Amino acid sequence: MSECPKPVSKECTEKILDQIDNSICKIKGNNGKTYMGLLCLIKYKDEIIYFLLTKYQIINGLYLEKKNYIEVSFKEENITLEFSNIKYLDKTLDLSIIEIKNVKKGKIKYTEFDDYLYEKNSEFFYNKESIYSIYYGDKDFYISYGIINNINKSELRCSCNMYYNSRGLPIFNLNSNKLIGLDEAKSDYFIKGIFLKYIINE
């Protein structure tokens, strides 16, 4: 049973549903498809930086040459996010992280990077840790649970039953409901992801 995810409490489930409603937004792509974005915050020195995390194919250098904002939708409202100066764009990882200028509070919740990511040798804190991922497909949101098999530098390997194959999906620590990684590739046996300590260092 040690190779199975931990049981999920009612409180944890409510936090996950709150993330779906108030942290995860839907973004319409130019191809008409709906993609997922995640509103996050990261602690950098004495600052807290708010940003949008989404796919490179949605927001890239070409997009930012034309627009400095994007329209996104939540369960109960549509909003415009205006971008600020800090940008991390990686075509290979299909990942874009863009600082948000007009930080909105209220119902919108910003998912935090897990606290242990800032610790030295943080890989050891996540050995066999239970995780979950949230993703959008077939006009609804889905949640998959799993465990971390191992972490090797920037690579995160998880056992997780995820039927929707898409890169850049968030991987959360089930204990804290905070972000620890992003799905990069799926095989029949495991999910390979990006350990977010690598992104923080970048």
N, C-alpha and C. Protein backbone atom coordinates (compact mmCIF):
# COMPACT_ATOMS: atom_id res chain seq x y z
N MET A 1 0.82 -1.22 0.00
CA MET A 1 0.00 0.00 0.00
C MET A 1 0.85 1.26 0.00
N SER A 2 2.16 1.11 0.30
CA SER A 2 3.04 2.28 0.32
C SER A 2 3.21 2.89 -1.07
N GLU A 3 2.89 2.09 -2.12
CA GLU A 3 3.03 2.58 -3.48
C GLU A 3 1.74 3.21 -4.00
N CYS A 4 0.77 3.41 -3.11
CA CYS A 4 -0.50 4.03 -3.49
C CYS A 4 -0.60 5.43 -2.87
N PRO A 5 -1.37 6.33 -3.50
CA PRO A 5 -1.54 7.66 -2.91
C PRO A 5 -2.24 7.58 -1.56
N LYS A 6 -1.98 8.57 -0.72
CA LYS A 6 -2.63 8.64 0.58
C LYS A 6 -4.12 8.92 0.41
N PRO A 7 -4.95 8.52 1.38
CA PRO A 7 -6.37 8.90 1.34
C PRO A 7 -6.52 10.42 1.35
N VAL A 8 -7.59 10.89 0.73
CA VAL A 8 -7.81 12.33 0.59
C VAL A 8 -8.93 12.76 1.52
N SER A 9 -8.64 13.72 2.39
CA SER A 9 -9.64 14.20 3.34
C SER A 9 -10.65 15.10 2.65
N LYS A 10 -11.75 15.36 3.35
CA LYS A 10 -12.77 16.28 2.84
C LYS A 10 -12.18 17.68 2.68
N GLU A 11 -11.38 18.12 3.68
CA GLU A 11 -10.77 19.46 3.62
C GLU A 11 -9.86 19.59 2.40
N CYS A 12 -9.05 18.57 2.15
CA CYS A 12 -8.15 18.60 0.99
C CYS A 12 -8.95 18.62 -0.31
N THR A 13 -10.02 17.81 -0.37
CA THR A 13 -10.87 17.78 -1.57
C THR A 13 -11.50 19.15 -1.82
N GLU A 14 -11.94 19.81 -0.76
CA GLU A 14 -12.53 21.15 -0.91
C GLU A 14 -11.51 22.15 -1.44
N LYS A 15 -10.24 22.02 -1.00
CA LYS A 15 -9.18 22.90 -1.50
C LYS A 15 -8.92 22.65 -2.98
N ILE A 16 -8.97 21.39 -3.39
CA ILE A 16 -8.76 21.05 -4.80
C ILE A 16 -9.89 21.63 -5.66
N LEU A 17 -11.11 21.51 -5.20
CA LEU A 17 -12.25 22.07 -5.93
C LEU A 17 -12.17 23.60 -5.99
N ASP A 18 -11.68 24.20 -4.91
CA ASP A 18 -11.48 25.65 -4.89
C ASP A 18 -10.41 26.07 -5.90
N GLN A 19 -9.36 25.26 -6.05
CA GLN A 19 -8.34 25.53 -7.06
C GLN A 19 -8.94 25.49 -8.46
N ILE A 20 -9.78 24.51 -8.71
CA ILE A 20 -10.41 24.38 -10.03
C ILE A 20 -11.26 25.61 -10.34
N ASP A 21 -11.99 26.08 -9.34
CA ASP A 21 -12.91 27.20 -9.56
C ASP A 21 -12.21 28.56 -9.58
N ASN A 22 -11.14 28.73 -8.78
CA ASN A 22 -10.62 30.07 -8.53
C ASN A 22 -9.14 30.27 -8.82
N SER A 23 -8.40 29.19 -9.15
CA SER A 23 -6.98 29.34 -9.50
C SER A 23 -6.71 28.97 -10.95
N ILE A 24 -7.52 28.08 -11.49
CA ILE A 24 -7.32 27.60 -12.85
C ILE A 24 -8.27 28.32 -13.79
N CYS A 25 -7.73 28.88 -14.85
CA CYS A 25 -8.55 29.59 -15.83
C CYS A 25 -8.52 28.87 -17.17
N LYS A 26 -9.50 29.17 -17.99
CA LYS A 26 -9.57 28.62 -19.35
C LYS A 26 -9.20 29.72 -20.34
N ILE A 27 -8.41 29.33 -21.34
CA ILE A 27 -7.94 30.28 -22.34
C ILE A 27 -8.29 29.74 -23.73
N LYS A 28 -8.92 30.56 -24.55
CA LYS A 28 -9.25 30.18 -25.92
C LYS A 28 -8.04 30.38 -26.82
N GLY A 29 -7.61 29.32 -27.49
CA GLY A 29 -6.51 29.43 -28.43
C GLY A 29 -6.97 29.90 -29.80
N ASN A 30 -6.02 30.28 -30.64
CA ASN A 30 -6.36 30.73 -31.99
C ASN A 30 -6.99 29.62 -32.83
N ASN A 31 -6.74 28.36 -32.44
CA ASN A 31 -7.30 27.22 -33.17
C ASN A 31 -8.70 26.86 -32.70
N GLY A 32 -9.26 27.64 -31.78
CA GLY A 32 -10.60 27.38 -31.29
C GLY A 32 -10.66 26.44 -30.10
N LYS A 33 -9.55 25.79 -29.76
CA LYS A 33 -9.52 24.87 -28.63
C LYS A 33 -9.39 25.66 -27.32
N THR A 34 -9.84 25.03 -26.24
CA THR A 34 -9.74 25.63 -24.91
C THR A 34 -8.55 25.03 -24.17
N TYR A 35 -7.69 25.89 -23.64
CA TYR A 35 -6.52 25.45 -22.90
C TYR A 35 -6.63 25.92 -21.45
N MET A 36 -5.73 25.43 -20.65
CA MET A 36 -5.75 25.71 -19.22
C MET A 36 -4.61 26.64 -18.83
N GLY A 37 -4.88 27.56 -17.94
CA GLY A 37 -3.85 28.39 -17.35
C GLY A 37 -3.95 28.29 -15.83
N LEU A 38 -2.86 28.57 -15.15
CA LEU A 38 -2.85 28.51 -13.70
C LEU A 38 -2.27 29.80 -13.15
N LEU A 39 -3.01 30.43 -12.23
CA LEU A 39 -2.53 31.64 -11.58
C LEU A 39 -1.74 31.25 -10.34
N CYS A 40 -0.49 31.70 -10.27
CA CYS A 40 0.43 31.27 -9.21
C CYS A 40 1.11 32.47 -8.57
N LEU A 41 1.76 32.20 -7.44
CA LEU A 41 2.67 33.18 -6.87
C LEU A 41 3.96 32.46 -6.49
N ILE A 42 5.06 33.19 -6.60
CA ILE A 42 6.36 32.66 -6.24
C ILE A 42 7.05 33.65 -5.32
N LYS A 43 7.73 33.13 -4.31
CA LYS A 43 8.47 33.98 -3.38
C LYS A 43 9.89 34.10 -3.88
N TYR A 44 10.33 35.32 -4.12
CA TYR A 44 11.69 35.56 -4.60
C TYR A 44 12.35 36.60 -3.71
N LYS A 45 13.32 36.15 -2.91
CA LYS A 45 13.96 37.02 -1.91
C LYS A 45 12.86 37.58 -1.01
N ASP A 46 12.67 38.88 -0.97
CA ASP A 46 11.64 39.46 -0.10
C ASP A 46 10.38 39.84 -0.87
N GLU A 47 10.30 39.39 -2.12
CA GLU A 47 9.17 39.75 -2.97
C GLU A 47 8.22 38.57 -3.17
N ILE A 48 6.98 38.89 -3.48
CA ILE A 48 6.02 37.90 -3.95
C ILE A 48 5.61 38.31 -5.36
N ILE A 49 5.84 37.41 -6.31
CA ILE A 49 5.56 37.70 -7.72
C ILE A 49 4.34 36.88 -8.15
N TYR A 50 3.35 37.54 -8.73
CA TYR A 50 2.16 36.87 -9.22
C TYR A 50 2.29 36.65 -10.73
N PHE A 51 1.91 35.48 -11.19
CA PHE A 51 2.09 35.21 -12.61
C PHE A 51 1.08 34.20 -13.14
N LEU A 52 0.99 34.17 -14.46
CA LEU A 52 0.18 33.19 -15.18
C LEU A 52 1.11 32.13 -15.75
N LEU A 53 0.76 30.88 -15.53
CA LEU A 53 1.50 29.75 -16.07
C LEU A 53 0.62 29.07 -17.11
N THR A 54 1.12 28.95 -18.34
CA THR A 54 0.33 28.32 -19.39
C THR A 54 1.26 27.75 -20.47
N LYS A 55 0.70 27.36 -21.60
CA LYS A 55 1.48 26.75 -22.67
C LYS A 55 2.18 27.80 -23.53
N TYR A 56 3.36 27.45 -24.00
CA TYR A 56 4.12 28.32 -24.90
C TYR A 56 3.36 28.53 -26.21
N GLN A 57 2.62 27.52 -26.65
CA GLN A 57 1.87 27.67 -27.90
C GLN A 57 0.74 28.68 -27.79
N ILE A 58 0.35 29.03 -26.56
CA ILE A 58 -0.68 30.06 -26.34
C ILE A 58 -0.05 31.44 -26.24
N ILE A 59 0.96 31.57 -25.37
CA ILE A 59 1.65 32.86 -25.19
C ILE A 59 3.14 32.64 -25.44
N ASN A 60 3.66 33.26 -26.47
CA ASN A 60 5.08 33.15 -26.81
C ASN A 60 5.59 34.53 -27.21
N GLY A 61 6.81 34.56 -27.71
CA GLY A 61 7.40 35.84 -28.07
C GLY A 61 6.61 36.58 -29.12
N LEU A 62 6.11 35.85 -30.10
CA LEU A 62 5.32 36.46 -31.17
C LEU A 62 4.02 37.07 -30.63
N TYR A 63 3.36 36.35 -29.72
CA TYR A 63 2.15 36.87 -29.10
C TYR A 63 2.44 38.15 -28.34
N LEU A 64 3.54 38.14 -27.56
CA LEU A 64 3.86 39.29 -26.70
C LEU A 64 4.32 40.50 -27.50
N GLU A 65 4.76 40.31 -28.74
CA GLU A 65 5.09 41.45 -29.60
C GLU A 65 3.83 42.22 -29.99
N LYS A 66 2.69 41.53 -30.02
CA LYS A 66 1.43 42.14 -30.45
C LYS A 66 0.54 42.57 -29.29
N LYS A 67 0.58 41.78 -28.20
CA LYS A 67 -0.32 42.03 -27.08
C LYS A 67 0.43 41.94 -25.76
N ASN A 68 -0.02 42.75 -24.81
CA ASN A 68 0.54 42.71 -23.47
C ASN A 68 -0.53 42.30 -22.46
N TYR A 69 -1.51 41.53 -22.92
CA TYR A 69 -2.62 41.09 -22.07
C TYR A 69 -3.23 39.83 -22.68
N ILE A 70 -4.10 39.18 -21.91
CA ILE A 70 -4.84 38.04 -22.42
C ILE A 70 -6.17 37.94 -21.68
N GLU A 71 -7.19 37.48 -22.40
CA GLU A 71 -8.51 37.26 -21.80
C GLU A 71 -8.59 35.82 -21.30
N VAL A 72 -9.01 35.67 -20.05
CA VAL A 72 -9.17 34.34 -19.48
C VAL A 72 -10.54 34.25 -18.80
N SER A 73 -11.00 33.03 -18.57
CA SER A 73 -12.31 32.85 -17.92
C SER A 73 -12.20 31.88 -16.76
N PHE A 74 -12.96 32.18 -15.72
CA PHE A 74 -13.09 31.32 -14.56
C PHE A 74 -14.54 30.81 -14.52
N LYS A 75 -14.87 30.13 -13.44
CA LYS A 75 -16.21 29.58 -13.33
C LYS A 75 -17.27 30.67 -13.37
N GLU A 76 -16.98 31.79 -12.68
CA GLU A 76 -18.02 32.80 -12.51
C GLU A 76 -17.72 34.14 -13.18
N GLU A 77 -16.55 34.28 -13.81
CA GLU A 77 -16.25 35.57 -14.42
C GLU A 77 -15.17 35.47 -15.49
N ASN A 78 -15.17 36.47 -16.37
CA ASN A 78 -14.13 36.63 -17.37
C ASN A 78 -13.30 37.85 -16.98
N ILE A 79 -11.98 37.74 -17.10
CA ILE A 79 -11.13 38.87 -16.74
C ILE A 79 -10.01 39.03 -17.77
N THR A 80 -9.42 40.22 -17.77
CA THR A 80 -8.26 40.50 -18.61
C THR A 80 -7.03 40.57 -17.71
N LEU A 81 -6.01 39.79 -18.05
CA LEU A 81 -4.75 39.81 -17.32
C LEU A 81 -3.74 40.64 -18.10
N GLU A 82 -3.21 41.67 -17.46
CA GLU A 82 -2.19 42.52 -18.08
C GLU A 82 -0.82 42.07 -17.61
N PHE A 83 0.12 41.94 -18.54
CA PHE A 83 1.43 41.39 -18.21
C PHE A 83 2.40 42.47 -17.76
N SER A 84 3.37 42.05 -16.93
CA SER A 84 4.43 42.94 -16.47
C SER A 84 5.76 42.49 -17.09
N ASN A 85 6.86 42.75 -16.41
CA ASN A 85 8.18 42.62 -17.05
C ASN A 85 8.78 41.22 -17.04
N ILE A 86 8.53 40.44 -15.99
CA ILE A 86 9.21 39.15 -15.86
C ILE A 86 8.53 38.10 -16.72
N LYS A 87 9.32 37.47 -17.59
CA LYS A 87 8.76 36.45 -18.50
C LYS A 87 9.74 35.29 -18.61
N TYR A 88 9.22 34.07 -18.57
CA TYR A 88 10.02 32.87 -18.79
C TYR A 88 9.33 32.07 -19.89
N LEU A 89 9.95 31.99 -21.05
CA LEU A 89 9.36 31.33 -22.21
C LEU A 89 10.27 30.19 -22.65
N ASP A 90 9.73 28.98 -22.74
CA ASP A 90 10.53 27.82 -23.13
C ASP A 90 9.75 26.98 -24.13
N LYS A 91 10.14 27.07 -25.39
CA LYS A 91 9.44 26.36 -26.47
C LYS A 91 9.58 24.86 -26.31
N THR A 92 10.77 24.39 -25.88
CA THR A 92 11.01 22.96 -25.73
C THR A 92 10.10 22.34 -24.69
N LEU A 93 9.90 23.04 -23.59
CA LEU A 93 9.03 22.55 -22.52
C LEU A 93 7.56 22.91 -22.76
N ASP A 94 7.29 23.70 -23.82
CA ASP A 94 5.93 24.22 -24.10
C ASP A 94 5.40 24.93 -22.86
N LEU A 95 6.21 25.83 -22.32
CA LEU A 95 5.90 26.48 -21.06
C LEU A 95 6.13 27.98 -21.13
N SER A 96 5.15 28.74 -20.64
CA SER A 96 5.28 30.19 -20.51
C SER A 96 4.85 30.60 -19.11
N ILE A 97 5.70 31.40 -18.47
CA ILE A 97 5.40 31.96 -17.15
C ILE A 97 5.55 33.47 -17.27
N ILE A 98 4.45 34.20 -17.07
CA ILE A 98 4.45 35.64 -17.31
C ILE A 98 3.92 36.36 -16.07
N GLU A 99 4.67 37.34 -15.61
CA GLU A 99 4.26 38.13 -14.45
C GLU A 99 2.99 38.91 -14.78
N ILE A 100 2.09 38.99 -13.79
CA ILE A 100 0.82 39.70 -13.95
C ILE A 100 0.93 41.06 -13.27
N LYS A 101 0.53 42.09 -14.00
CA LYS A 101 0.61 43.46 -13.47
C LYS A 101 -0.60 43.79 -12.60
N ASN A 102 -1.78 43.53 -13.11
CA ASN A 102 -3.00 43.91 -12.39
C ASN A 102 -3.45 42.74 -11.52
N VAL A 103 -2.85 42.63 -10.35
CA VAL A 103 -3.16 41.51 -9.45
C VAL A 103 -4.55 41.69 -8.88
N LYS A 104 -5.41 40.69 -9.11
CA LYS A 104 -6.77 40.74 -8.59
C LYS A 104 -6.87 39.81 -7.41
N LYS A 105 -7.54 40.27 -6.36
CA LYS A 105 -7.76 39.42 -5.19
C LYS A 105 -9.22 38.98 -5.19
N GLY A 106 -9.78 38.82 -4.03
CA GLY A 106 -11.17 38.40 -3.95
C GLY A 106 -11.29 36.91 -4.20
N LYS A 107 -12.14 36.53 -5.15
CA LYS A 107 -12.39 35.11 -5.42
C LYS A 107 -11.21 34.43 -6.08
N ILE A 108 -10.41 35.18 -6.80
CA ILE A 108 -9.27 34.58 -7.49
C ILE A 108 -8.19 34.21 -6.46
N LYS A 109 -7.77 32.96 -6.50
CA LYS A 109 -6.76 32.45 -5.57
C LYS A 109 -5.49 32.14 -6.37
N TYR A 110 -4.35 32.50 -5.81
CA TYR A 110 -3.07 32.25 -6.47
C TYR A 110 -2.39 31.04 -5.83
N THR A 111 -2.18 30.00 -6.61
CA THR A 111 -1.55 28.79 -6.12
C THR A 111 -0.08 29.06 -5.81
N GLU A 112 0.38 28.58 -4.67
CA GLU A 112 1.77 28.80 -4.27
C GLU A 112 2.67 27.65 -4.72
N PHE A 113 3.93 27.97 -4.97
CA PHE A 113 4.94 26.93 -5.11
C PHE A 113 5.16 26.32 -3.72
N ASP A 114 5.34 25.02 -3.67
CA ASP A 114 5.49 24.33 -2.40
C ASP A 114 6.71 24.86 -1.63
N ASP A 115 6.57 24.98 -0.31
CA ASP A 115 7.61 25.59 0.52
C ASP A 115 8.95 24.85 0.45
N TYR A 116 8.90 23.53 0.35
CA TYR A 116 10.14 22.75 0.34
C TYR A 116 10.98 22.98 -0.92
N LEU A 117 10.37 23.54 -1.97
CA LEU A 117 11.13 23.82 -3.19
C LEU A 117 12.25 24.82 -2.95
N TYR A 118 12.09 25.64 -1.93
CA TYR A 118 13.08 26.68 -1.64
C TYR A 118 14.20 26.16 -0.72
N GLU A 119 14.04 24.91 -0.24
CA GLU A 119 15.02 24.35 0.69
C GLU A 119 16.17 23.68 -0.06
N LYS A 120 17.34 23.65 0.59
CA LYS A 120 18.47 22.92 0.04
C LYS A 120 18.16 21.42 0.10
N ASN A 121 18.55 20.69 -0.95
CA ASN A 121 18.29 19.24 -1.05
C ASN A 121 16.80 18.92 -0.88
N SER A 122 15.96 19.77 -1.47
CA SER A 122 14.51 19.60 -1.31
C SER A 122 13.98 18.31 -1.92
N GLU A 123 14.76 17.68 -2.81
CA GLU A 123 14.34 16.44 -3.44
C GLU A 123 14.00 15.37 -2.39
N PHE A 124 14.73 15.38 -1.27
CA PHE A 124 14.54 14.34 -0.25
C PHE A 124 13.19 14.47 0.46
N PHE A 125 12.61 15.67 0.47
CA PHE A 125 11.33 15.87 1.14
C PHE A 125 10.17 15.21 0.38
N TYR A 126 10.38 14.91 -0.89
CA TYR A 126 9.28 14.43 -1.74
C TYR A 126 9.35 12.94 -2.06
N ASN A 127 10.24 12.20 -1.40
CA ASN A 127 10.37 10.78 -1.67
C ASN A 127 9.07 10.04 -1.35
N LYS A 128 8.48 9.40 -2.36
CA LYS A 128 7.22 8.65 -2.24
C LYS A 128 6.05 9.51 -1.76
N GLU A 129 6.13 10.80 -2.00
CA GLU A 129 5.06 11.72 -1.60
C GLU A 129 3.86 11.56 -2.52
N SER A 130 2.67 11.71 -1.96
CA SER A 130 1.43 11.64 -2.76
C SER A 130 1.23 12.95 -3.51
N ILE A 131 0.78 12.82 -4.74
CA ILE A 131 0.57 14.00 -5.59
C ILE A 131 -0.78 13.90 -6.30
N TYR A 132 -1.17 15.00 -6.94
CA TYR A 132 -2.33 14.98 -7.83
C TYR A 132 -2.12 15.98 -8.95
N SER A 133 -2.85 15.78 -10.02
CA SER A 133 -2.80 16.71 -11.15
C SER A 133 -4.22 17.06 -11.56
N ILE A 134 -4.39 18.31 -11.99
CA ILE A 134 -5.69 18.79 -12.48
C ILE A 134 -5.54 19.11 -13.96
N TYR A 135 -6.50 18.68 -14.77
CA TYR A 135 -6.42 18.97 -16.19
C TYR A 135 -7.82 19.12 -16.78
N TYR A 136 -7.87 19.82 -17.91
CA TYR A 136 -9.13 20.11 -18.58
C TYR A 136 -9.20 19.33 -19.88
N GLY A 137 -10.27 18.59 -20.07
CA GLY A 137 -10.46 17.84 -21.31
C GLY A 137 -11.90 17.38 -21.42
N ASP A 138 -12.38 17.25 -22.65
CA ASP A 138 -13.76 16.81 -22.90
C ASP A 138 -14.78 17.68 -22.17
N LYS A 139 -14.52 18.99 -22.14
CA LYS A 139 -15.44 19.98 -21.59
C LYS A 139 -15.64 19.87 -20.08
N ASP A 140 -14.68 19.27 -19.38
CA ASP A 140 -14.77 19.20 -17.93
C ASP A 140 -13.37 19.10 -17.33
N PHE A 141 -13.26 19.31 -16.02
CA PHE A 141 -12.00 19.17 -15.32
C PHE A 141 -11.89 17.77 -14.72
N TYR A 142 -10.66 17.27 -14.67
CA TYR A 142 -10.38 15.95 -14.11
C TYR A 142 -9.25 16.05 -13.11
N ILE A 143 -9.25 15.13 -12.14
CA ILE A 143 -8.19 15.06 -11.13
C ILE A 143 -7.63 13.65 -11.12
N SER A 144 -6.31 13.53 -11.20
CA SER A 144 -5.64 12.24 -11.10
C SER A 144 -4.70 12.26 -9.91
N TYR A 145 -4.64 11.13 -9.19
CA TYR A 145 -3.79 11.01 -8.00
C TYR A 145 -2.66 10.02 -8.26
N GLY A 146 -1.54 10.21 -7.57
CA GLY A 146 -0.41 9.31 -7.75
C GLY A 146 0.64 9.53 -6.69
N ILE A 147 1.84 8.97 -6.91
CA ILE A 147 2.95 9.16 -6.00
C ILE A 147 4.22 9.48 -6.80
N ILE A 148 5.16 10.13 -6.12
CA ILE A 148 6.46 10.43 -6.74
C ILE A 148 7.36 9.20 -6.62
N ASN A 149 7.88 8.75 -7.74
CA ASN A 149 8.81 7.61 -7.74
C ASN A 149 10.23 8.07 -7.42
N ASN A 150 10.69 9.09 -8.13
CA ASN A 150 12.01 9.64 -7.84
C ASN A 150 12.17 11.00 -8.51
N ILE A 151 13.18 11.74 -8.06
CA ILE A 151 13.53 13.04 -8.63
C ILE A 151 15.01 13.01 -8.95
N ASN A 152 15.34 13.37 -10.18
CA ASN A 152 16.73 13.42 -10.62
C ASN A 152 16.99 14.77 -11.26
N LYS A 153 17.58 15.69 -10.47
CA LYS A 153 17.85 17.04 -10.93
C LYS A 153 16.54 17.71 -11.34
N SER A 154 16.33 18.00 -12.62
CA SER A 154 15.11 18.70 -13.04
C SER A 154 13.97 17.74 -13.39
N GLU A 155 14.23 16.43 -13.35
CA GLU A 155 13.23 15.46 -13.79
C GLU A 155 12.48 14.86 -12.60
N LEU A 156 11.16 14.86 -12.74
CA LEU A 156 10.27 14.33 -11.71
C LEU A 156 9.52 13.14 -12.33
N ARG A 157 9.58 11.98 -11.69
CA ARG A 157 8.87 10.80 -12.19
C ARG A 157 7.80 10.38 -11.21
N CYS A 158 6.57 10.21 -11.72
CA CYS A 158 5.43 9.90 -10.88
C CYS A 158 4.65 8.72 -11.46
N SER A 159 4.11 7.89 -10.57
CA SER A 159 3.09 6.93 -10.96
C SER A 159 1.75 7.63 -10.81
N CYS A 160 1.02 7.76 -11.91
CA CYS A 160 -0.23 8.53 -11.87
C CYS A 160 -1.12 8.08 -13.02
N ASN A 161 -2.37 7.81 -12.73
CA ASN A 161 -3.32 7.37 -13.75
C ASN A 161 -3.95 8.58 -14.41
N MET A 162 -3.31 9.06 -15.46
CA MET A 162 -3.78 10.26 -16.17
C MET A 162 -4.09 9.88 -17.62
N TYR A 163 -5.38 9.90 -17.96
CA TYR A 163 -5.75 9.47 -19.31
C TYR A 163 -5.56 10.58 -20.34
N TYR A 164 -5.52 11.84 -19.88
CA TYR A 164 -5.44 12.96 -20.81
C TYR A 164 -3.98 13.31 -21.02
N ASN A 165 -3.49 13.13 -22.24
CA ASN A 165 -2.05 13.28 -22.52
C ASN A 165 -1.77 14.70 -23.03
N SER A 166 -1.24 15.53 -22.14
CA SER A 166 -0.94 16.91 -22.52
C SER A 166 0.21 17.42 -21.68
N ARG A 167 1.16 18.13 -22.27
CA ARG A 167 2.30 18.63 -21.53
C ARG A 167 1.95 19.90 -20.77
N GLY A 168 2.69 20.12 -19.69
CA GLY A 168 2.53 21.36 -18.93
C GLY A 168 1.45 21.34 -17.88
N LEU A 169 0.86 20.16 -17.60
CA LEU A 169 -0.18 20.09 -16.59
C LEU A 169 0.43 20.19 -15.19
N PRO A 170 -0.24 20.85 -14.26
CA PRO A 170 0.33 21.06 -12.92
C PRO A 170 0.34 19.78 -12.10
N ILE A 171 1.39 19.60 -11.31
CA ILE A 171 1.50 18.50 -10.36
C ILE A 171 1.60 19.11 -8.97
N PHE A 172 0.66 18.74 -8.09
CA PHE A 172 0.56 19.33 -6.75
C PHE A 172 0.95 18.33 -5.67
N ASN A 173 1.50 18.85 -4.57
CA ASN A 173 1.74 18.06 -3.38
C ASN A 173 0.40 17.86 -2.66
N LEU A 174 -0.01 16.61 -2.46
CA LEU A 174 -1.31 16.33 -1.84
C LEU A 174 -1.36 16.79 -0.39
N ASN A 175 -0.20 16.85 0.28
CA ASN A 175 -0.17 17.28 1.69
C ASN A 175 -0.43 18.77 1.85
N SER A 176 0.04 19.55 0.88
CA SER A 176 -0.03 21.02 1.04
C SER A 176 -0.93 21.70 0.02
N ASN A 177 -1.37 20.98 -1.02
CA ASN A 177 -2.13 21.56 -2.14
C ASN A 177 -1.33 22.65 -2.86
N LYS A 178 0.01 22.54 -2.80
CA LYS A 178 0.86 23.51 -3.48
C LYS A 178 1.60 22.86 -4.64
N LEU A 179 2.06 23.69 -5.54
CA LEU A 179 2.63 23.24 -6.81
C LEU A 179 4.07 22.76 -6.63
N ILE A 180 4.38 21.58 -7.21
CA ILE A 180 5.76 21.08 -7.15
C ILE A 180 6.33 20.74 -8.52
N GLY A 181 5.47 20.57 -9.54
CA GLY A 181 5.99 20.18 -10.84
C GLY A 181 5.00 20.38 -11.96
N LEU A 182 5.47 20.09 -13.18
CA LEU A 182 4.65 20.18 -14.38
C LEU A 182 4.86 18.92 -15.20
N ASP A 183 3.76 18.34 -15.67
CA ASP A 183 3.84 17.15 -16.50
C ASP A 183 4.52 17.47 -17.83
N GLU A 184 5.47 16.65 -18.22
CA GLU A 184 6.18 16.87 -19.48
C GLU A 184 5.92 15.78 -20.51
N ALA A 185 5.77 14.53 -20.06
CA ALA A 185 5.55 13.41 -20.98
C ALA A 185 4.89 12.27 -20.23
N LYS A 186 4.14 11.44 -20.97
CA LYS A 186 3.40 10.34 -20.36
C LYS A 186 3.78 9.05 -21.08
N SER A 187 4.02 7.98 -20.30
CA SER A 187 4.21 6.66 -20.87
C SER A 187 3.18 5.72 -20.25
N ASP A 188 3.26 4.44 -20.59
CA ASP A 188 2.32 3.47 -20.01
C ASP A 188 2.64 3.19 -18.55
N TYR A 189 3.83 3.58 -18.08
CA TYR A 189 4.27 3.19 -16.76
C TYR A 189 4.44 4.36 -15.78
N PHE A 190 4.65 5.54 -16.29
CA PHE A 190 4.89 6.67 -15.38
C PHE A 190 4.68 7.98 -16.13
N ILE A 191 4.63 9.07 -15.35
CA ILE A 191 4.60 10.41 -15.90
C ILE A 191 5.95 11.06 -15.62
N LYS A 192 6.56 11.62 -16.64
CA LYS A 192 7.79 12.38 -16.46
C LYS A 192 7.44 13.85 -16.40
N GLY A 193 7.91 14.51 -15.37
CA GLY A 193 7.58 15.92 -15.20
C GLY A 193 8.81 16.77 -14.95
N ILE A 194 8.60 18.06 -14.86
CA ILE A 194 9.64 19.03 -14.55
C ILE A 194 9.54 19.38 -13.08
N PHE A 195 10.60 19.17 -12.33
CA PHE A 195 10.66 19.55 -10.93
C PHE A 195 10.82 21.07 -10.87
N LEU A 196 9.89 21.76 -10.21
CA LEU A 196 9.84 23.22 -10.30
C LEU A 196 11.00 23.94 -9.61
N LYS A 197 11.78 23.23 -8.82
CA LYS A 197 12.98 23.86 -8.29
C LYS A 197 13.90 24.28 -9.44
N TYR A 198 13.88 23.50 -10.53
CA TYR A 198 14.66 23.84 -11.73
C TYR A 198 14.18 25.17 -12.31
N ILE A 199 12.89 25.38 -12.38
CA ILE A 199 12.32 26.63 -12.91
C ILE A 199 12.68 27.79 -12.00
N ILE A 200 12.59 27.59 -10.68
CA ILE A 200 12.95 28.66 -9.73
C ILE A 200 14.40 29.07 -9.94
N ASN A 201 15.30 28.09 -10.09
CA ASN A 201 16.71 28.40 -10.30
C ASN A 201 16.93 29.14 -11.62
N GLU A 202 16.18 28.75 -12.64
CA GLU A 202 16.28 29.43 -13.94
C GLU A 202 15.87 30.89 -13.81
